[in-house]
Amino acid sequence: MAEEENKENHEEKKSEVAADGDITTNKYVWIVGAVILLVAGWFGLKALLGPSENYKVTLVDAPKEVVKDGVATFTWRVDGPPVLIHHTSVHMGKESQPGDLGKDVKPADTKYIDFVKDFAQGDYNIPLQFVGNLQMTDAGTYYYRVHAIVNDKNYWTDEYTFEVKPEVAIPTALPPIQDTSVTPAI
């Protein structure tokens, strides 16, 4: 009988150890699962409730060429979640600024020396479409990009070009008409 009791005690201890091992393993699985759910939930809430930085500037219309001393008219959009901005413009110059311009690149850091002044300072609720003008006083090829500052970040379009042609000479008066008819002599 003592042998049977020992056998039963041994089997009971075995089942207790097996049960404890399962509980310990289950605790770790539950803890790891809970941590994963918390992290996923945090990123999910941040994506849903946090402000989106999906802002974009788009060139809508621009001239291919302008006559010297003429006016170049540009149309562009600033899109994204509603927010108040204080600057958007078309920046241009006679030197190209190739490549992508990042959100940290300010207009002063570029080769563009002129800009459309209509919306360079003010309060504008975006999304919004803008139409701006600039008188072109110098002939040549101009390189330009649309730019906006949104939440202290710079947003740029790709670079485009247009040509400012020299003035076309237009006669201001017609030459005098000469009478080629013969007048009788008296």
Foldseek 3Di string as FASTA:
>chain_A
DVVVVVVVVVVVVVVVVVVVVVVVVVVVVVVVVVVVVVVVVVVVCCVVPPADPPKAKAWDDWDQEAAAQGKTKTKIWIADPKDKFFAKWKFKDQDDDADDDFFPDDPVNGPGDDIFPPRGGDIDIDRDMDMTMDGHNDWDKMKIWIWTQDPNTIHIDHIDIHTHHYDDDDDPDDPDDDDPDDDDDD
